[in-house]
Amino acid sequence: VQLQASGGGLVQAGGSLRLSCTASGRTFSSYVLGWFRQAPGKERELVAGISRSGGNTYYADSVKGRFTISRDNAKNTVYLQMNSLKPEDTFVYYCAAAREFYSDYVPSRTTRFDYWGQGTQVTVSS
């Protein structure tokens, strides 16, 4: 599967952005999905993950209550709605996918993601 992320940009603190990631292929619903972020020289951090069904999600503590991950399997797209953005949310954001048998499995920091989209820069100004 190939992933294409979009929606990053520059926003003021307190503002919102919605990232999108569209996948190629006909088996999108067979994958769990995640959004990661990475600062230069640092490891990628799983920000949010979603099960194949979309009914179960994971959030890092730093974004709980502010970010929402969702997916539309008919459109082969996963979203990350980011509200109440803070300057410390400034990162390059990546979407990723991992094939999974169980529909309710929620990806976590230990999940191995095999497919990655290109990054999209999110910059939050103070």
N, C-alpha and C. Protein backbone atom coordinates (compact mmCIF):
# COMPACT_ATOMS: atom_id res chain seq x y z
N VAL A 1 0.85 -1.18 0.00
CA VAL A 1 0.00 0.00 0.00
C VAL A 1 0.89 1.24 0.00
N GLN A 2 0.49 2.24 -0.75
CA GLN A 2 1.20 3.51 -0.78
C GLN A 2 0.35 4.58 -0.12
N LEU A 3 1.00 5.41 0.69
CA LEU A 3 0.30 6.40 1.49
C LEU A 3 0.74 7.79 1.09
N GLN A 4 -0.21 8.71 1.03
CA GLN A 4 0.06 10.09 0.66
C GLN A 4 -0.59 11.00 1.69
N ALA A 5 0.25 11.71 2.44
CA ALA A 5 -0.25 12.59 3.49
C ALA A 5 -0.35 14.02 2.99
N SER A 6 -1.28 14.75 3.57
CA SER A 6 -1.46 16.16 3.22
C SER A 6 -2.13 16.88 4.37
N GLY A 7 -2.16 18.21 4.27
CA GLY A 7 -2.91 19.00 5.24
C GLY A 7 -2.09 19.76 6.25
N GLY A 8 -0.77 19.59 6.23
CA GLY A 8 0.05 20.34 7.16
C GLY A 8 0.10 21.81 6.80
N GLY A 9 0.71 22.59 7.68
CA GLY A 9 0.82 24.01 7.42
C GLY A 9 1.21 24.78 8.66
N LEU A 10 1.05 26.08 8.55
CA LEU A 10 1.37 26.99 9.65
C LEU A 10 0.08 27.48 10.28
N VAL A 11 0.00 27.38 11.59
CA VAL A 11 -1.20 27.80 12.30
C VAL A 11 -0.80 28.45 13.62
N GLN A 12 -1.62 29.35 14.10
CA GLN A 12 -1.35 29.98 15.37
C GLN A 12 -1.76 29.06 16.52
N ALA A 13 -1.14 29.26 17.65
CA ALA A 13 -1.50 28.49 18.84
C ALA A 13 -2.99 28.64 19.12
N GLY A 14 -3.61 27.53 19.46
CA GLY A 14 -5.05 27.52 19.69
C GLY A 14 -5.86 27.16 18.47
N GLY A 15 -5.21 27.15 17.32
CA GLY A 15 -5.89 26.85 16.07
C GLY A 15 -6.02 25.37 15.80
N SER A 16 -6.55 25.06 14.62
CA SER A 16 -6.80 23.67 14.24
C SER A 16 -6.26 23.38 12.85
N LEU A 17 -5.94 22.12 12.64
CA LEU A 17 -5.58 21.60 11.33
C LEU A 17 -6.15 20.20 11.22
N ARG A 18 -6.41 19.78 9.98
CA ARG A 18 -6.80 18.40 9.75
C ARG A 18 -5.84 17.79 8.74
N LEU A 19 -5.16 16.76 9.16
CA LEU A 19 -4.29 16.01 8.26
C LEU A 19 -5.08 14.88 7.62
N SER A 20 -4.75 14.60 6.37
CA SER A 20 -5.36 13.49 5.65
C SER A 20 -4.26 12.60 5.10
N CYS A 21 -4.58 11.34 4.98
CA CYS A 21 -3.63 10.39 4.40
C CYS A 21 -4.44 9.40 3.58
N THR A 22 -4.19 9.41 2.28
CA THR A 22 -4.94 8.56 1.36
C THR A 22 -4.05 7.43 0.86
N ALA A 23 -4.62 6.24 0.82
CA ALA A 23 -3.87 5.06 0.44
C ALA A 23 -4.30 4.54 -0.92
N SER A 24 -3.36 3.95 -1.60
CA SER A 24 -3.67 3.26 -2.85
C SER A 24 -4.07 1.84 -2.53
N GLY A 25 -4.62 1.13 -3.47
CA GLY A 25 -4.92 -0.27 -3.26
C GLY A 25 -6.34 -0.53 -2.83
N ARG A 26 -6.72 -1.80 -2.85
CA ARG A 26 -8.10 -2.18 -2.57
C ARG A 26 -8.28 -2.85 -1.23
N THR A 27 -7.23 -2.91 -0.41
CA THR A 27 -7.32 -3.62 0.85
C THR A 27 -7.10 -2.70 2.04
N PHE A 28 -7.49 -1.45 1.90
CA PHE A 28 -7.26 -0.45 2.95
C PHE A 28 -7.82 -0.91 4.28
N SER A 29 -8.97 -1.54 4.25
CA SER A 29 -9.62 -1.94 5.50
C SER A 29 -8.90 -3.09 6.20
N SER A 30 -7.88 -3.64 5.59
CA SER A 30 -7.09 -4.71 6.21
C SER A 30 -5.95 -4.18 7.06
N TYR A 31 -5.82 -2.88 7.12
CA TYR A 31 -4.69 -2.26 7.80
C TYR A 31 -5.13 -1.45 9.01
N VAL A 32 -4.36 -1.56 10.10
CA VAL A 32 -4.45 -0.56 11.15
C VAL A 32 -3.60 0.61 10.72
N LEU A 33 -3.95 1.77 11.23
CA LEU A 33 -3.31 3.00 10.79
C LEU A 33 -2.84 3.82 11.97
N GLY A 34 -1.82 4.59 11.73
CA GLY A 34 -1.30 5.45 12.79
C GLY A 34 -0.78 6.76 12.23
N TRP A 35 -0.77 7.74 13.10
CA TRP A 35 -0.11 9.01 12.83
C TRP A 35 1.06 9.15 13.79
N PHE A 36 2.21 9.45 13.24
CA PHE A 36 3.43 9.65 14.01
C PHE A 36 3.89 11.09 13.83
N ARG A 37 4.77 11.51 14.73
CA ARG A 37 5.42 12.79 14.53
C ARG A 37 6.88 12.66 14.95
N GLN A 38 7.69 13.50 14.35
CA GLN A 38 9.13 13.39 14.55
C GLN A 38 9.79 14.75 14.50
N ALA A 39 10.65 14.98 15.47
CA ALA A 39 11.49 16.18 15.47
C ALA A 39 12.86 15.79 14.92
N PRO A 40 13.62 16.73 14.38
CA PRO A 40 14.95 16.41 13.84
C PRO A 40 15.83 15.74 14.87
N GLY A 41 16.42 14.62 14.50
CA GLY A 41 17.33 13.91 15.38
C GLY A 41 16.66 13.08 16.45
N LYS A 42 15.33 13.03 16.44
CA LYS A 42 14.60 12.28 17.45
C LYS A 42 13.85 11.11 16.81
N GLU A 43 13.45 10.15 17.64
CA GLU A 43 12.67 9.03 17.14
C GLU A 43 11.24 9.47 16.85
N ARG A 44 10.62 8.75 15.93
CA ARG A 44 9.21 9.02 15.65
C ARG A 44 8.36 8.57 16.83
N GLU A 45 7.34 9.36 17.12
CA GLU A 45 6.44 9.09 18.24
C GLU A 45 5.06 8.80 17.69
N LEU A 46 4.47 7.71 18.15
CA LEU A 46 3.09 7.42 17.76
C LEU A 46 2.17 8.39 18.49
N VAL A 47 1.45 9.17 17.72
CA VAL A 47 0.54 10.16 18.26
C VAL A 47 -0.85 9.58 18.43
N ALA A 48 -1.31 8.85 17.41
CA ALA A 48 -2.66 8.29 17.43
C ALA A 48 -2.70 7.06 16.54
N GLY A 49 -3.53 6.10 16.90
CA GLY A 49 -3.71 4.89 16.10
C GLY A 49 -5.17 4.50 16.06
N ILE A 50 -5.53 3.74 15.03
CA ILE A 50 -6.92 3.36 14.86
C ILE A 50 -7.00 1.95 14.32
N SER A 51 -7.99 1.22 14.81
CA SER A 51 -8.18 -0.16 14.40
C SER A 51 -8.74 -0.23 12.98
N ARG A 52 -8.78 -1.43 12.44
CA ARG A 52 -9.30 -1.62 11.09
C ARG A 52 -10.75 -1.16 11.00
N SER A 53 -11.51 -1.46 12.01
CA SER A 53 -12.94 -1.10 12.00
C SER A 53 -13.18 0.37 12.25
N GLY A 54 -12.19 1.03 12.85
CA GLY A 54 -12.35 2.43 13.22
C GLY A 54 -12.99 2.62 14.58
N GLY A 55 -13.36 1.51 15.21
CA GLY A 55 -14.07 1.62 16.47
C GLY A 55 -13.18 1.74 17.69
N ASN A 56 -11.91 1.51 17.52
CA ASN A 56 -10.98 1.58 18.65
C ASN A 56 -9.79 2.44 18.28
N THR A 57 -9.39 3.28 19.24
CA THR A 57 -8.32 4.23 18.97
C THR A 57 -7.34 4.28 20.13
N TYR A 58 -6.16 4.80 19.80
CA TYR A 58 -5.10 5.04 20.78
C TYR A 58 -4.62 6.47 20.61
N TYR A 59 -4.32 7.12 21.75
CA TYR A 59 -3.74 8.46 21.71
C TYR A 59 -2.59 8.55 22.71
N ALA A 60 -1.56 9.23 22.30
CA ALA A 60 -0.51 9.58 23.24
C ALA A 60 -1.08 10.56 24.27
N ASP A 61 -0.54 10.50 25.47
CA ASP A 61 -1.05 11.37 26.53
C ASP A 61 -0.96 12.84 26.16
N SER A 62 0.05 13.19 25.39
CA SER A 62 0.29 14.59 25.05
C SER A 62 -0.79 15.18 24.14
N VAL A 63 -1.58 14.33 23.50
CA VAL A 63 -2.58 14.85 22.57
C VAL A 63 -4.01 14.46 22.93
N LYS A 64 -4.19 13.68 23.98
CA LYS A 64 -5.53 13.25 24.37
C LYS A 64 -6.43 14.45 24.63
N GLY A 65 -7.64 14.37 24.09
CA GLY A 65 -8.59 15.45 24.27
C GLY A 65 -8.44 16.57 23.25
N ARG A 66 -7.37 16.57 22.48
CA ARG A 66 -7.15 17.62 21.48
C ARG A 66 -7.14 17.07 20.06
N PHE A 67 -6.63 15.87 19.90
CA PHE A 67 -6.52 15.26 18.56
C PHE A 67 -7.54 14.12 18.44
N THR A 68 -8.04 13.93 17.23
CA THR A 68 -8.95 12.84 16.94
C THR A 68 -8.55 12.16 15.64
N ILE A 69 -8.36 10.85 15.72
CA ILE A 69 -8.06 10.07 14.53
C ILE A 69 -9.35 9.40 14.06
N SER A 70 -9.53 9.35 12.76
CA SER A 70 -10.69 8.69 12.19
C SER A 70 -10.30 8.13 10.82
N ARG A 71 -11.13 7.27 10.30
CA ARG A 71 -10.85 6.70 9.00
C ARG A 71 -12.14 6.52 8.21
N ASP A 72 -12.01 6.59 6.90
CA ASP A 72 -13.11 6.35 5.99
C ASP A 72 -12.63 5.27 5.03
N ASN A 73 -13.04 4.05 5.30
CA ASN A 73 -12.53 2.94 4.49
C ASN A 73 -13.04 3.00 3.05
N ALA A 74 -14.18 3.64 2.84
CA ALA A 74 -14.70 3.77 1.48
C ALA A 74 -13.84 4.73 0.65
N LYS A 75 -13.18 5.65 1.33
CA LYS A 75 -12.34 6.63 0.64
C LYS A 75 -10.86 6.33 0.79
N ASN A 76 -10.54 5.21 1.44
CA ASN A 76 -9.13 4.85 1.66
C ASN A 76 -8.35 5.97 2.34
N THR A 77 -8.96 6.60 3.30
CA THR A 77 -8.36 7.78 3.91
C THR A 77 -8.44 7.71 5.43
N VAL A 78 -7.36 8.14 6.07
CA VAL A 78 -7.32 8.32 7.51
C VAL A 78 -7.06 9.79 7.79
N TYR A 79 -7.68 10.28 8.85
CA TYR A 79 -7.60 11.70 9.19
C TYR A 79 -7.02 11.88 10.60
N LEU A 80 -6.44 13.03 10.80
CA LEU A 80 -6.05 13.43 12.15
C LEU A 80 -6.52 14.87 12.33
N GLN A 81 -7.58 15.02 13.11
CA GLN A 81 -8.08 16.36 13.43
C GLN A 81 -7.32 16.86 14.65
N MET A 82 -6.67 17.99 14.50
CA MET A 82 -5.84 18.53 15.57
C MET A 82 -6.42 19.86 16.00
N ASN A 83 -6.89 19.93 17.22
CA ASN A 83 -7.47 21.14 17.78
C ASN A 83 -6.61 21.66 18.94
N SER A 84 -6.84 22.89 19.30
CA SER A 84 -6.11 23.51 20.43
C SER A 84 -4.61 23.29 20.28
N LEU A 85 -4.12 23.56 19.11
CA LEU A 85 -2.71 23.30 18.84
C LEU A 85 -1.80 24.19 19.67
N LYS A 86 -0.65 23.61 20.02
CA LYS A 86 0.35 24.29 20.84
C LYS A 86 1.66 24.35 20.08
N PRO A 87 2.51 25.29 20.40
CA PRO A 87 3.83 25.34 19.72
C PRO A 87 4.59 24.01 19.84
N GLU A 88 4.40 23.31 20.93
CA GLU A 88 5.09 22.02 21.10
C GLU A 88 4.53 20.90 20.24
N ASP A 89 3.49 21.18 19.47
CA ASP A 89 2.98 20.24 18.48
C ASP A 89 3.68 20.39 17.14
N THR A 90 4.64 21.28 17.08
CA THR A 90 5.38 21.51 15.83
C THR A 90 6.31 20.33 15.55
N PHE A 91 6.00 19.61 14.48
CA PHE A 91 6.74 18.42 14.07
C PHE A 91 6.45 18.16 12.59
N VAL A 92 7.18 17.23 12.03
CA VAL A 92 6.77 16.59 10.79
C VAL A 92 5.89 15.40 11.18
N TYR A 93 4.74 15.33 10.56
CA TYR A 93 3.78 14.27 10.86
C TYR A 93 3.76 13.26 9.72
N TYR A 94 3.70 11.97 10.10
CA TYR A 94 3.70 10.87 9.15
C TYR A 94 2.51 9.96 9.40
N CYS A 95 1.91 9.46 8.33
CA CYS A 95 0.93 8.40 8.48
C CYS A 95 1.61 7.06 8.18
N ALA A 96 1.06 6.00 8.76
CA ALA A 96 1.66 4.68 8.59
C ALA A 96 0.57 3.62 8.66
N ALA A 97 0.87 2.46 8.07
CA ALA A 97 -0.09 1.36 8.03
C ALA A 97 0.59 0.05 8.36
N ALA A 98 -0.18 -0.83 8.98
CA ALA A 98 0.30 -2.18 9.28
C ALA A 98 -0.84 -3.16 9.02
N ARG A 99 -0.54 -4.22 8.31
CA ARG A 99 -1.57 -5.21 8.02
C ARG A 99 -1.91 -5.96 9.32
N GLU A 100 -3.20 -6.16 9.53
CA GLU A 100 -3.64 -6.76 10.79
C GLU A 100 -4.83 -7.68 10.54
N PHE A 101 -4.81 -8.84 11.21
CA PHE A 101 -5.89 -9.80 11.02
C PHE A 101 -7.15 -9.43 11.81
N TYR A 102 -6.95 -8.95 13.03
CA TYR A 102 -8.08 -8.71 13.92
C TYR A 102 -8.65 -7.30 13.70
N SER A 103 -9.94 -7.20 13.51
CA SER A 103 -10.56 -5.92 13.16
C SER A 103 -10.57 -4.92 14.30
N ASP A 104 -10.50 -5.40 15.55
CA ASP A 104 -10.58 -4.49 16.68
C ASP A 104 -9.23 -4.21 17.34
N TYR A 105 -8.18 -4.75 16.75
CA TYR A 105 -6.83 -4.52 17.31
C TYR A 105 -6.48 -3.05 17.22
N VAL A 106 -6.01 -2.50 18.34
CA VAL A 106 -5.62 -1.09 18.38
C VAL A 106 -4.11 -1.00 18.32
N PRO A 107 -3.56 -0.31 17.36
CA PRO A 107 -2.10 -0.18 17.30
C PRO A 107 -1.58 0.61 18.49
N SER A 108 -0.37 0.28 18.88
CA SER A 108 0.26 0.94 20.02
C SER A 108 1.71 1.24 19.67
N ARG A 109 2.46 1.69 20.65
CA ARG A 109 3.86 2.04 20.40
C ARG A 109 4.70 0.83 20.04
N THR A 110 4.22 -0.36 20.32
CA THR A 110 4.98 -1.56 19.99
C THR A 110 4.59 -2.16 18.65
N THR A 111 3.60 -1.60 18.00
CA THR A 111 3.17 -2.13 16.71
C THR A 111 4.21 -1.82 15.65
N ARG A 112 4.49 -2.81 14.84
CA ARG A 112 5.42 -2.59 13.74
C ARG A 112 4.64 -2.12 12.52
N PHE A 113 4.92 -0.93 12.08
CA PHE A 113 4.28 -0.38 10.89
C PHE A 113 5.22 -0.58 9.70
N ASP A 114 4.67 -1.14 8.64
CA ASP A 114 5.48 -1.50 7.48
C ASP A 114 5.41 -0.49 6.34
N TYR A 115 4.39 0.33 6.34
CA TYR A 115 4.19 1.25 5.23
C TYR A 115 4.08 2.66 5.77
N TRP A 116 4.75 3.57 5.06
CA TRP A 116 4.83 4.94 5.55
C TRP A 116 4.54 5.91 4.42
N GLY A 117 3.86 6.99 4.78
CA GLY A 117 3.69 8.08 3.85
C GLY A 117 4.82 9.07 4.01
N GLN A 118 4.88 10.03 3.10
CA GLN A 118 5.86 11.08 3.27
C GLN A 118 5.39 12.01 4.38
N GLY A 119 6.25 12.75 4.97
CA GLY A 119 5.87 13.62 6.06
C GLY A 119 5.19 14.88 5.59
N THR A 120 4.44 15.46 6.50
CA THR A 120 3.84 16.77 6.25
C THR A 120 4.13 17.64 7.47
N GLN A 121 4.64 18.85 7.20
CA GLN A 121 5.11 19.72 8.27
C GLN A 121 3.94 20.45 8.92
N VAL A 122 3.90 20.41 10.23
CA VAL A 122 2.95 21.20 11.01
C VAL A 122 3.76 22.15 11.88
N THR A 123 3.49 23.43 11.74
CA THR A 123 4.17 24.45 12.52
C THR A 123 3.15 25.28 13.25
N VAL A 124 3.29 25.35 14.57
CA VAL A 124 2.36 26.11 15.39
C VAL A 124 3.13 27.29 15.99
N SER A 125 2.69 28.48 15.67
CA SER A 125 3.36 29.68 16.16
C SER A 125 2.71 30.16 17.44
N SER A 126 3.52 30.76 18.29
CA SER A 126 3.00 31.24 19.59
C SER A 126 2.48 32.65 19.48
